[in-house]
Amino acid sequence: MTAAAVVVVDAGADLAETLSRVEDWLRWCTPRTAQGADRLDAGAAAAAAVAGALRRSSRRVSTLDGAELAAVCVLPGDLAATLAALQAAAVEADEPGPPGGPEALAFLARCCEHAGDPETRLLAAVALATPGDRPALLDGTGLLAYRRLVAATIRDPLDAFVALPPPRGPFPSAGIGW
């Protein structure tokens, strides 16, 4: 099951909300062509399905030394058809999309590209093996996999900063009063 899993590091914890706004936009916008209404409906349903899956699968993650990381969501299965429906609907829409919508779709596409990577499989296995609502604990190997996935998928510098653990060392970071 973890071989095909798509792992999403939701740094801002707002990806599901962004996809819900995309769903609302697709449900209420005007199609460019007469056949476009079906594409808009399919895209809205796809956005709702992914947003719901993200909300259900969100897992808190922390390191063994207690540093809390961004939420990790494990979406089982192939999202290629779902993303294709979303992208086709976005092209069919006549009105501009919600803020963050195109970025969210591009981010999900990057996460899908890395679904078969060993790092992704490791993170999916750790997240799925953690029982209940306890945070998934990452050891050194898991933290390295997490860092690699963040570097490969997150393009926004602020989201990458939020997702990564604080630096270790005796000195405070240069951004705190230096």
N, C-alpha and C. Protein backbone atom coordinates (compact mmCIF):
# COMPACT_ATOMS: atom_id res chain seq x y z
N MET A 1 0.82 -1.19 0.00
CA MET A 1 0.00 0.00 0.00
C MET A 1 0.86 1.25 0.00
N THR A 2 1.98 1.24 0.67
CA THR A 2 2.79 2.45 0.75
C THR A 2 3.58 2.70 -0.52
N ALA A 3 3.70 1.70 -1.41
CA ALA A 3 4.46 1.90 -2.64
C ALA A 3 3.81 2.94 -3.53
N ALA A 4 2.47 3.02 -3.54
CA ALA A 4 1.77 3.96 -4.39
C ALA A 4 1.27 5.18 -3.63
N ALA A 5 1.60 5.29 -2.37
CA ALA A 5 1.07 6.38 -1.55
C ALA A 5 1.70 7.70 -1.96
N VAL A 6 0.88 8.74 -1.93
CA VAL A 6 1.34 10.11 -2.16
C VAL A 6 1.44 10.75 -0.78
N VAL A 7 2.63 11.23 -0.44
CA VAL A 7 2.85 11.87 0.85
C VAL A 7 2.93 13.38 0.62
N VAL A 8 2.14 14.10 1.40
CA VAL A 8 2.06 15.55 1.29
C VAL A 8 2.49 16.15 2.62
N VAL A 9 3.49 17.03 2.58
CA VAL A 9 3.89 17.78 3.76
C VAL A 9 3.15 19.11 3.70
N ASP A 10 2.13 19.24 4.54
CA ASP A 10 1.25 20.42 4.53
C ASP A 10 1.80 21.45 5.51
N ALA A 11 2.76 22.23 5.04
CA ALA A 11 3.49 23.16 5.92
C ALA A 11 2.58 24.22 6.53
N GLY A 12 1.71 24.78 5.74
CA GLY A 12 0.83 25.82 6.26
C GLY A 12 -0.46 25.30 6.85
N ALA A 13 -0.67 24.00 6.79
CA ALA A 13 -1.90 23.35 7.27
C ALA A 13 -3.13 23.99 6.62
N ASP A 14 -2.99 24.42 5.37
CA ASP A 14 -4.10 25.08 4.69
C ASP A 14 -4.40 24.51 3.31
N LEU A 15 -3.77 23.41 2.96
CA LEU A 15 -3.96 22.83 1.64
C LEU A 15 -5.40 22.36 1.44
N ALA A 16 -5.98 21.72 2.44
CA ALA A 16 -7.37 21.25 2.32
C ALA A 16 -8.32 22.43 2.17
N GLU A 17 -8.07 23.50 2.89
CA GLU A 17 -8.92 24.69 2.78
C GLU A 17 -8.78 25.33 1.40
N THR A 18 -7.58 25.37 0.86
CA THR A 18 -7.37 25.91 -0.49
C THR A 18 -8.12 25.07 -1.51
N LEU A 19 -8.05 23.75 -1.38
CA LEU A 19 -8.78 22.89 -2.31
C LEU A 19 -10.29 23.03 -2.15
N SER A 20 -10.77 23.33 -0.96
CA SER A 20 -12.19 23.59 -0.77
C SER A 20 -12.61 24.88 -1.49
N ARG A 21 -11.73 25.88 -1.48
CA ARG A 21 -12.01 27.11 -2.23
C ARG A 21 -12.00 26.84 -3.74
N VAL A 22 -11.10 25.97 -4.19
CA VAL A 22 -11.07 25.58 -5.60
C VAL A 22 -12.38 24.86 -5.96
N GLU A 23 -12.83 24.00 -5.08
CA GLU A 23 -14.10 23.31 -5.32
C GLU A 23 -15.25 24.31 -5.46
N ASP A 24 -15.34 25.26 -4.53
CA ASP A 24 -16.41 26.27 -4.60
C ASP A 24 -16.32 27.07 -5.89
N TRP A 25 -15.11 27.44 -6.26
CA TRP A 25 -14.90 28.21 -7.49
C TRP A 25 -15.38 27.42 -8.71
N LEU A 26 -15.02 26.14 -8.77
CA LEU A 26 -15.41 25.32 -9.92
C LEU A 26 -16.92 25.09 -9.98
N ARG A 27 -17.56 25.03 -8.81
CA ARG A 27 -19.01 24.81 -8.79
C ARG A 27 -19.79 26.05 -9.27
N TRP A 28 -19.21 27.24 -9.09
CA TRP A 28 -19.96 28.46 -9.39
C TRP A 28 -19.48 29.22 -10.61
N CYS A 29 -18.38 28.81 -11.21
CA CYS A 29 -17.90 29.58 -12.36
C CYS A 29 -18.58 29.12 -13.65
N THR A 30 -18.46 29.96 -14.65
CA THR A 30 -19.07 29.70 -15.96
C THR A 30 -18.08 28.94 -16.83
N PRO A 31 -18.54 27.88 -17.51
CA PRO A 31 -17.63 27.16 -18.41
C PRO A 31 -17.38 27.95 -19.70
N ARG A 32 -16.22 27.74 -20.29
CA ARG A 32 -15.88 28.40 -21.55
C ARG A 32 -16.65 27.82 -22.73
N THR A 33 -16.95 26.53 -22.67
CA THR A 33 -17.65 25.86 -23.77
C THR A 33 -18.89 25.18 -23.22
N ALA A 34 -19.75 24.73 -24.14
CA ALA A 34 -20.99 24.06 -23.74
C ALA A 34 -20.69 22.72 -23.05
N GLN A 35 -19.64 22.03 -23.46
CA GLN A 35 -19.29 20.75 -22.86
C GLN A 35 -18.49 20.93 -21.57
N GLY A 36 -18.11 22.13 -21.25
CA GLY A 36 -17.26 22.39 -20.10
C GLY A 36 -17.91 22.18 -18.75
N ALA A 37 -19.23 22.19 -18.69
CA ALA A 37 -19.92 22.04 -17.41
C ALA A 37 -19.59 20.68 -16.78
N ASP A 38 -19.50 19.65 -17.60
CA ASP A 38 -19.15 18.34 -17.06
C ASP A 38 -17.73 18.33 -16.51
N ARG A 39 -16.81 19.00 -17.18
CA ARG A 39 -15.43 19.08 -16.67
C ARG A 39 -15.37 19.85 -15.36
N LEU A 40 -16.14 20.92 -15.28
CA LEU A 40 -16.17 21.69 -14.03
C LEU A 40 -16.72 20.85 -12.88
N ASP A 41 -17.78 20.09 -13.15
CA ASP A 41 -18.35 19.22 -12.11
C ASP A 41 -17.35 18.15 -11.68
N ALA A 42 -16.67 17.55 -12.67
CA ALA A 42 -15.67 16.52 -12.34
C ALA A 42 -14.51 17.11 -11.55
N GLY A 43 -14.08 18.31 -11.92
CA GLY A 43 -13.00 18.96 -11.18
C GLY A 43 -13.41 19.34 -9.77
N ALA A 44 -14.64 19.81 -9.60
CA ALA A 44 -15.13 20.15 -8.26
C ALA A 44 -15.21 18.91 -7.38
N ALA A 45 -15.68 17.82 -7.95
CA ALA A 45 -15.74 16.56 -7.18
C ALA A 45 -14.35 16.08 -6.83
N ALA A 46 -13.40 16.23 -7.74
CA ALA A 46 -12.02 15.82 -7.46
C ALA A 46 -11.41 16.68 -6.36
N ALA A 47 -11.65 17.99 -6.41
CA ALA A 47 -11.13 18.88 -5.37
C ALA A 47 -11.71 18.53 -4.01
N ALA A 48 -13.01 18.23 -3.97
CA ALA A 48 -13.65 17.85 -2.71
C ALA A 48 -13.08 16.54 -2.18
N ALA A 49 -12.85 15.59 -3.07
CA ALA A 49 -12.31 14.30 -2.64
C ALA A 49 -10.90 14.43 -2.07
N VAL A 50 -10.06 15.21 -2.73
CA VAL A 50 -8.68 15.37 -2.24
C VAL A 50 -8.68 16.16 -0.94
N ALA A 51 -9.52 17.20 -0.84
CA ALA A 51 -9.58 17.98 0.41
C ALA A 51 -10.04 17.10 1.57
N GLY A 52 -11.03 16.27 1.34
CA GLY A 52 -11.48 15.36 2.40
C GLY A 52 -10.42 14.34 2.79
N ALA A 53 -9.72 13.81 1.79
CA ALA A 53 -8.65 12.85 2.08
C ALA A 53 -7.53 13.50 2.87
N LEU A 54 -7.21 14.74 2.54
CA LEU A 54 -6.16 15.45 3.29
C LEU A 54 -6.58 15.66 4.74
N ARG A 55 -7.83 16.04 4.96
CA ARG A 55 -8.30 16.26 6.34
C ARG A 55 -8.28 14.96 7.15
N ARG A 56 -8.69 13.86 6.52
CA ARG A 56 -8.74 12.58 7.23
C ARG A 56 -7.35 12.00 7.50
N SER A 57 -6.41 12.24 6.62
CA SER A 57 -5.12 11.57 6.74
C SER A 57 -4.04 12.43 7.37
N SER A 58 -4.35 13.62 7.78
CA SER A 58 -3.34 14.50 8.37
C SER A 58 -2.79 13.90 9.66
N ARG A 59 -1.49 13.83 9.76
CA ARG A 59 -0.82 13.21 10.90
C ARG A 59 0.24 14.17 11.43
N ARG A 60 0.21 14.44 12.72
CA ARG A 60 1.27 15.24 13.33
C ARG A 60 2.56 14.44 13.30
N VAL A 61 3.68 15.14 13.14
CA VAL A 61 4.99 14.50 13.04
C VAL A 61 5.96 15.26 13.93
N SER A 62 6.82 14.52 14.62
CA SER A 62 7.87 15.14 15.41
C SER A 62 9.12 14.27 15.37
N THR A 63 10.23 14.87 15.76
CA THR A 63 11.49 14.14 15.80
C THR A 63 11.63 13.48 17.17
N LEU A 64 12.60 12.60 17.30
CA LEU A 64 12.80 11.91 18.58
C LEU A 64 13.18 12.87 19.70
N ASP A 65 13.81 14.01 19.35
CA ASP A 65 14.17 14.97 20.39
C ASP A 65 13.06 15.98 20.67
N GLY A 66 11.87 15.78 20.10
CA GLY A 66 10.70 16.58 20.45
C GLY A 66 10.39 17.75 19.54
N ALA A 67 11.17 17.99 18.48
CA ALA A 67 10.87 19.09 17.56
C ALA A 67 9.64 18.73 16.73
N GLU A 68 8.65 19.61 16.75
CA GLU A 68 7.44 19.35 15.99
C GLU A 68 7.62 19.83 14.56
N LEU A 69 7.22 18.97 13.62
CA LEU A 69 7.34 19.27 12.20
C LEU A 69 5.96 19.56 11.62
N ALA A 70 5.91 19.90 10.34
CA ALA A 70 4.65 20.15 9.68
C ALA A 70 3.86 18.84 9.53
N ALA A 71 2.58 18.97 9.38
CA ALA A 71 1.71 17.79 9.24
C ALA A 71 2.04 17.03 7.97
N VAL A 72 1.95 15.72 8.06
CA VAL A 72 2.16 14.85 6.91
C VAL A 72 0.83 14.16 6.62
N CYS A 73 0.44 14.16 5.35
CA CYS A 73 -0.78 13.49 4.92
C CYS A 73 -0.39 12.39 3.95
N VAL A 74 -0.91 11.19 4.19
CA VAL A 74 -0.63 10.05 3.32
C VAL A 74 -1.91 9.75 2.55
N LEU A 75 -1.83 9.96 1.24
CA LEU A 75 -2.98 9.72 0.37
C LEU A 75 -2.72 8.45 -0.42
N PRO A 76 -3.39 7.35 -0.08
CA PRO A 76 -3.14 6.10 -0.80
C PRO A 76 -3.69 6.17 -2.22
N GLY A 77 -3.00 5.50 -3.10
CA GLY A 77 -3.46 5.40 -4.47
C GLY A 77 -2.84 6.44 -5.39
N ASP A 78 -3.25 6.37 -6.64
CA ASP A 78 -2.73 7.22 -7.68
C ASP A 78 -3.64 8.44 -7.84
N LEU A 79 -3.07 9.62 -7.73
CA LEU A 79 -3.85 10.84 -7.87
C LEU A 79 -3.76 11.45 -9.26
N ALA A 80 -3.14 10.76 -10.20
CA ALA A 80 -2.92 11.33 -11.52
C ALA A 80 -4.24 11.69 -12.20
N ALA A 81 -5.22 10.79 -12.16
CA ALA A 81 -6.51 11.06 -12.80
C ALA A 81 -7.24 12.19 -12.10
N THR A 82 -7.14 12.24 -10.78
CA THR A 82 -7.78 13.30 -10.02
C THR A 82 -7.17 14.64 -10.35
N LEU A 83 -5.84 14.71 -10.41
CA LEU A 83 -5.18 15.96 -10.77
C LEU A 83 -5.47 16.36 -12.20
N ALA A 84 -5.56 15.39 -13.10
CA ALA A 84 -5.89 15.69 -14.49
C ALA A 84 -7.29 16.30 -14.58
N ALA A 85 -8.24 15.78 -13.80
CA ALA A 85 -9.59 16.34 -13.79
C ALA A 85 -9.58 17.76 -13.24
N LEU A 86 -8.80 18.00 -12.20
CA LEU A 86 -8.70 19.34 -11.63
C LEU A 86 -8.08 20.33 -12.62
N GLN A 87 -7.02 19.92 -13.29
CA GLN A 87 -6.35 20.81 -14.23
C GLN A 87 -7.23 21.08 -15.45
N ALA A 88 -7.94 20.07 -15.94
CA ALA A 88 -8.85 20.28 -17.06
C ALA A 88 -9.98 21.23 -16.68
N ALA A 89 -10.48 21.11 -15.47
CA ALA A 89 -11.53 22.01 -15.01
C ALA A 89 -11.01 23.43 -14.86
N ALA A 90 -9.79 23.58 -14.38
CA ALA A 90 -9.22 24.92 -14.21
C ALA A 90 -9.06 25.62 -15.56
N VAL A 91 -8.73 24.87 -16.60
CA VAL A 91 -8.61 25.44 -17.94
C VAL A 91 -9.98 25.82 -18.48
N GLU A 92 -10.99 25.04 -18.13
CA GLU A 92 -12.34 25.26 -18.65
C GLU A 92 -13.04 26.45 -17.98
N ALA A 93 -12.61 26.83 -16.79
CA ALA A 93 -13.28 27.90 -16.05
C ALA A 93 -13.06 29.24 -16.71
N ASP A 94 -14.10 30.06 -16.71
CA ASP A 94 -14.03 31.36 -17.36
C ASP A 94 -13.58 32.47 -16.41
N GLU A 95 -13.75 32.28 -15.12
CA GLU A 95 -13.35 33.28 -14.13
C GLU A 95 -11.99 32.91 -13.53
N PRO A 96 -11.26 33.91 -13.03
CA PRO A 96 -9.98 33.59 -12.37
C PRO A 96 -10.21 32.78 -11.11
N GLY A 97 -9.27 31.91 -10.82
CA GLY A 97 -9.38 31.01 -9.68
C GLY A 97 -9.09 31.68 -8.36
N PRO A 98 -9.29 30.95 -7.28
CA PRO A 98 -9.04 31.50 -5.95
C PRO A 98 -7.54 31.66 -5.71
N PRO A 99 -7.18 32.54 -4.79
CA PRO A 99 -5.76 32.71 -4.47
C PRO A 99 -5.16 31.40 -3.97
N GLY A 100 -4.01 31.06 -4.49
CA GLY A 100 -3.32 29.85 -4.07
C GLY A 100 -3.75 28.60 -4.79
N GLY A 101 -4.78 28.66 -5.61
CA GLY A 101 -5.28 27.48 -6.31
C GLY A 101 -4.27 26.87 -7.27
N PRO A 102 -3.71 27.66 -8.20
CA PRO A 102 -2.73 27.07 -9.12
C PRO A 102 -1.48 26.53 -8.41
N GLU A 103 -1.06 27.22 -7.37
CA GLU A 103 0.10 26.76 -6.61
C GLU A 103 -0.18 25.44 -5.91
N ALA A 104 -1.41 25.31 -5.36
CA ALA A 104 -1.79 24.06 -4.68
C ALA A 104 -1.81 22.89 -5.66
N LEU A 105 -2.33 23.12 -6.87
CA LEU A 105 -2.35 22.05 -7.87
C LEU A 105 -0.95 21.66 -8.30
N ALA A 106 -0.08 22.65 -8.48
CA ALA A 106 1.30 22.36 -8.85
C ALA A 106 2.02 21.61 -7.73
N PHE A 107 1.74 21.98 -6.49
CA PHE A 107 2.34 21.30 -5.34
C PHE A 107 1.90 19.84 -5.28
N LEU A 108 0.61 19.59 -5.48
CA LEU A 108 0.12 18.21 -5.48
C LEU A 108 0.73 17.40 -6.62
N ALA A 109 0.93 18.04 -7.77
CA ALA A 109 1.56 17.34 -8.89
C ALA A 109 2.99 16.94 -8.54
N ARG A 110 3.73 17.83 -7.86
CA ARG A 110 5.10 17.49 -7.44
C ARG A 110 5.08 16.35 -6.42
N CYS A 111 4.11 16.36 -5.52
CA CYS A 111 4.00 15.26 -4.54
C CYS A 111 3.72 13.94 -5.25
N CYS A 112 2.89 13.97 -6.28
CA CYS A 112 2.60 12.74 -7.04
C CYS A 112 3.84 12.23 -7.76
N GLU A 113 4.68 13.14 -8.25
CA GLU A 113 5.90 12.74 -8.94
C GLU A 113 6.84 11.95 -8.04
N HIS A 114 6.77 12.22 -6.75
CA HIS A 114 7.68 11.58 -5.79
C HIS A 114 7.02 10.42 -5.04
N ALA A 115 5.88 9.94 -5.53
CA ALA A 115 5.14 8.89 -4.82
C ALA A 115 5.92 7.58 -4.72
N GLY A 116 6.76 7.27 -5.68
CA GLY A 116 7.48 6.01 -5.64
C GLY A 116 8.86 6.08 -5.03
N ASP A 117 9.27 7.27 -4.61
CA ASP A 117 10.60 7.43 -4.04
C ASP A 117 10.74 6.68 -2.72
N PRO A 118 11.95 6.19 -2.41
CA PRO A 118 12.15 5.49 -1.13
C PRO A 118 11.83 6.37 0.08
N GLU A 119 12.14 7.66 -0.01
CA GLU A 119 11.84 8.57 1.11
C GLU A 119 10.34 8.64 1.36
N THR A 120 9.59 8.73 0.28
CA THR A 120 8.14 8.81 0.41
C THR A 120 7.57 7.53 1.00
N ARG A 121 8.07 6.40 0.54
CA ARG A 121 7.58 5.12 1.08
C ARG A 121 7.91 5.01 2.57
N LEU A 122 9.10 5.46 2.97
CA LEU A 122 9.49 5.41 4.38
C LEU A 122 8.57 6.29 5.22
N LEU A 123 8.33 7.53 4.78
CA LEU A 123 7.46 8.43 5.54
C LEU A 123 6.03 7.89 5.61
N ALA A 124 5.55 7.32 4.52
CA ALA A 124 4.20 6.74 4.53
C ALA A 124 4.13 5.58 5.51
N ALA A 125 5.14 4.74 5.52
CA ALA A 125 5.14 3.60 6.44
C ALA A 125 5.15 4.05 7.89
N VAL A 126 5.96 5.05 8.21
CA VAL A 126 6.03 5.55 9.60
C VAL A 126 4.70 6.18 10.00
N ALA A 127 4.13 7.00 9.12
CA ALA A 127 2.87 7.68 9.45
C ALA A 127 1.73 6.67 9.61
N LEU A 128 1.68 5.69 8.73
CA LEU A 128 0.58 4.71 8.80
C LEU A 128 0.75 3.73 9.95
N ALA A 129 1.98 3.52 10.41
CA ALA A 129 2.22 2.57 11.49
C ALA A 129 1.99 3.18 12.88
N THR A 130 1.85 4.49 12.96
CA THR A 130 1.65 5.15 14.25
C THR A 130 0.18 5.05 14.63
N PRO A 131 -0.12 4.43 15.76
CA PRO A 131 -1.53 4.25 16.13
C PRO A 131 -2.15 5.51 16.73
N GLY A 132 -3.46 5.60 16.59
CA GLY A 132 -4.23 6.66 17.24
C GLY A 132 -3.87 8.05 16.76
N ASP A 133 -3.99 9.00 17.69
CA ASP A 133 -3.71 10.38 17.34
C ASP A 133 -2.33 10.84 17.84
N ARG A 134 -1.49 9.86 18.18
CA ARG A 134 -0.13 10.21 18.59
C ARG A 134 0.65 10.71 17.38
N PRO A 135 1.60 11.62 17.60
CA PRO A 135 2.41 12.06 16.46
C PRO A 135 3.35 10.95 16.00
N ALA A 136 3.58 10.92 14.70
CA ALA A 136 4.55 9.98 14.15
C ALA A 136 5.94 10.48 14.50
N LEU A 137 6.78 9.60 15.04
CA LEU A 137 8.13 9.98 15.44
C LEU A 137 9.13 9.58 14.36
N LEU A 138 9.95 10.55 13.96
CA LEU A 138 10.96 10.30 12.94
C LEU A 138 12.33 10.18 13.57
N ASP A 139 13.03 9.08 13.28
CA ASP A 139 14.42 8.95 13.71
C ASP A 139 15.29 9.67 12.67
N GLY A 140 16.59 9.47 12.72
CA GLY A 140 17.51 10.15 11.81
C GLY A 140 17.23 9.86 10.35
N THR A 141 16.94 8.62 10.03
CA THR A 141 16.65 8.23 8.65
C THR A 141 15.32 8.84 8.20
N GLY A 142 14.34 8.80 9.07
CA GLY A 142 13.04 9.38 8.74
C GLY A 142 13.11 10.88 8.57
N LEU A 143 13.91 11.54 9.43
CA LEU A 143 14.07 12.98 9.31
C LEU A 143 14.77 13.35 8.02
N LEU A 144 15.76 12.57 7.62
CA LEU A 144 16.44 12.82 6.35
C LEU A 144 15.46 12.65 5.18
N ALA A 145 14.61 11.62 5.23
CA ALA A 145 13.60 11.42 4.20
C ALA A 145 12.62 12.58 4.17
N TYR A 146 12.22 13.06 5.33
CA TYR A 146 11.31 14.19 5.44
C TYR A 146 11.94 15.44 4.82
N ARG A 147 13.20 15.72 5.16
CA ARG A 147 13.91 16.88 4.60
C ARG A 147 14.00 16.79 3.08
N ARG A 148 14.29 15.61 2.56
CA ARG A 148 14.40 15.44 1.10
C ARG A 148 13.05 15.66 0.43
N LEU A 149 11.98 15.17 1.03
CA LEU A 149 10.66 15.38 0.44
C LEU A 149 10.28 16.86 0.47
N VAL A 150 10.59 17.54 1.56
CA VAL A 150 10.32 18.97 1.63
C VAL A 150 11.10 19.71 0.54
N ALA A 151 12.37 19.39 0.38
CA ALA A 151 13.19 20.05 -0.63
C ALA A 151 12.69 19.77 -2.04
N ALA A 152 12.14 18.59 -2.27
CA ALA A 152 11.70 18.21 -3.60
C ALA A 152 10.32 18.76 -3.96
N THR A 153 9.49 19.04 -2.98
CA THR A 153 8.11 19.40 -3.30
C THR A 153 7.73 20.84 -2.95
N ILE A 154 8.29 21.40 -1.90
CA ILE A 154 7.87 22.73 -1.46
C ILE A 154 8.75 23.79 -2.10
N ARG A 155 8.12 24.71 -2.83
CA ARG A 155 8.85 25.77 -3.53
C ARG A 155 8.82 27.10 -2.78
N ASP A 156 7.80 27.32 -1.96
CA ASP A 156 7.69 28.57 -1.22
C ASP A 156 8.69 28.58 -0.07
N PRO A 157 9.57 29.59 0.00
CA PRO A 157 10.58 29.60 1.07
C PRO A 157 9.99 29.66 2.48
N LEU A 158 8.90 30.37 2.66
CA LEU A 158 8.29 30.45 3.98
C LEU A 158 7.71 29.11 4.40
N ASP A 159 7.05 28.42 3.47
CA ASP A 159 6.52 27.09 3.79
C ASP A 159 7.65 26.10 4.09
N ALA A 160 8.75 26.21 3.34
CA ALA A 160 9.89 25.31 3.60
C ALA A 160 10.48 25.60 4.98
N PHE A 161 10.55 26.87 5.36
CA PHE A 161 11.06 27.24 6.68
C PHE A 161 10.17 26.68 7.78
N VAL A 162 8.85 26.77 7.59
CA VAL A 162 7.90 26.26 8.58
C VAL A 162 7.98 24.74 8.68
N ALA A 163 8.19 24.08 7.54
CA ALA A 163 8.18 22.62 7.52
C ALA A 163 9.41 22.00 8.14
N LEU A 164 10.55 22.67 8.04
CA LEU A 164 11.79 22.08 8.51
C LEU A 164 11.99 22.29 10.01
N PRO A 165 12.66 21.36 10.67
CA PRO A 165 12.88 21.51 12.11
C PRO A 165 13.87 22.64 12.38
N PRO A 166 13.85 23.18 13.59
CA PRO A 166 14.79 24.25 13.91
C PRO A 166 16.23 23.72 13.89
N PRO A 167 17.18 24.59 13.56
CA PRO A 167 18.58 24.14 13.55
C PRO A 167 19.04 23.80 14.97
N ARG A 168 19.94 22.84 15.04
CA ARG A 168 20.46 22.41 16.33
C ARG A 168 21.81 23.07 16.55
N GLY A 169 22.08 23.40 17.75
CA GLY A 169 23.36 24.00 18.08
C GLY A 169 23.26 24.88 19.30
N PRO A 170 24.39 25.36 19.82
CA PRO A 170 24.36 26.16 21.03
C PRO A 170 23.98 27.61 20.79
N PHE A 171 23.94 28.05 19.53
CA PHE A 171 23.70 29.45 19.26
C PHE A 171 22.29 29.65 18.71
N PRO A 172 21.66 30.77 19.05
CA PRO A 172 20.34 31.05 18.47
C PRO A 172 20.51 31.34 16.99
N SER A 173 19.40 31.25 16.27
CA SER A 173 19.48 31.51 14.84
C SER A 173 19.79 32.98 14.60
N ALA A 174 20.36 33.25 13.44
CA ALA A 174 20.77 34.61 13.11
C ALA A 174 19.58 35.54 12.99
N GLY A 175 18.38 35.03 12.79
CA GLY A 175 17.21 35.87 12.64
C GLY A 175 16.59 36.32 13.95
N ILE A 176 17.08 35.86 15.09
CA ILE A 176 16.49 36.21 16.37
C ILE A 176 17.39 37.20 17.09
N GLY A 177 17.18 38.46 16.81
CA GLY A 177 17.88 39.53 17.53
C GLY A 177 19.35 39.71 17.20
N TRP A 178 19.83 39.13 16.13
CA TRP A 178 21.25 39.29 15.80
C TRP A 178 21.43 40.39 14.79
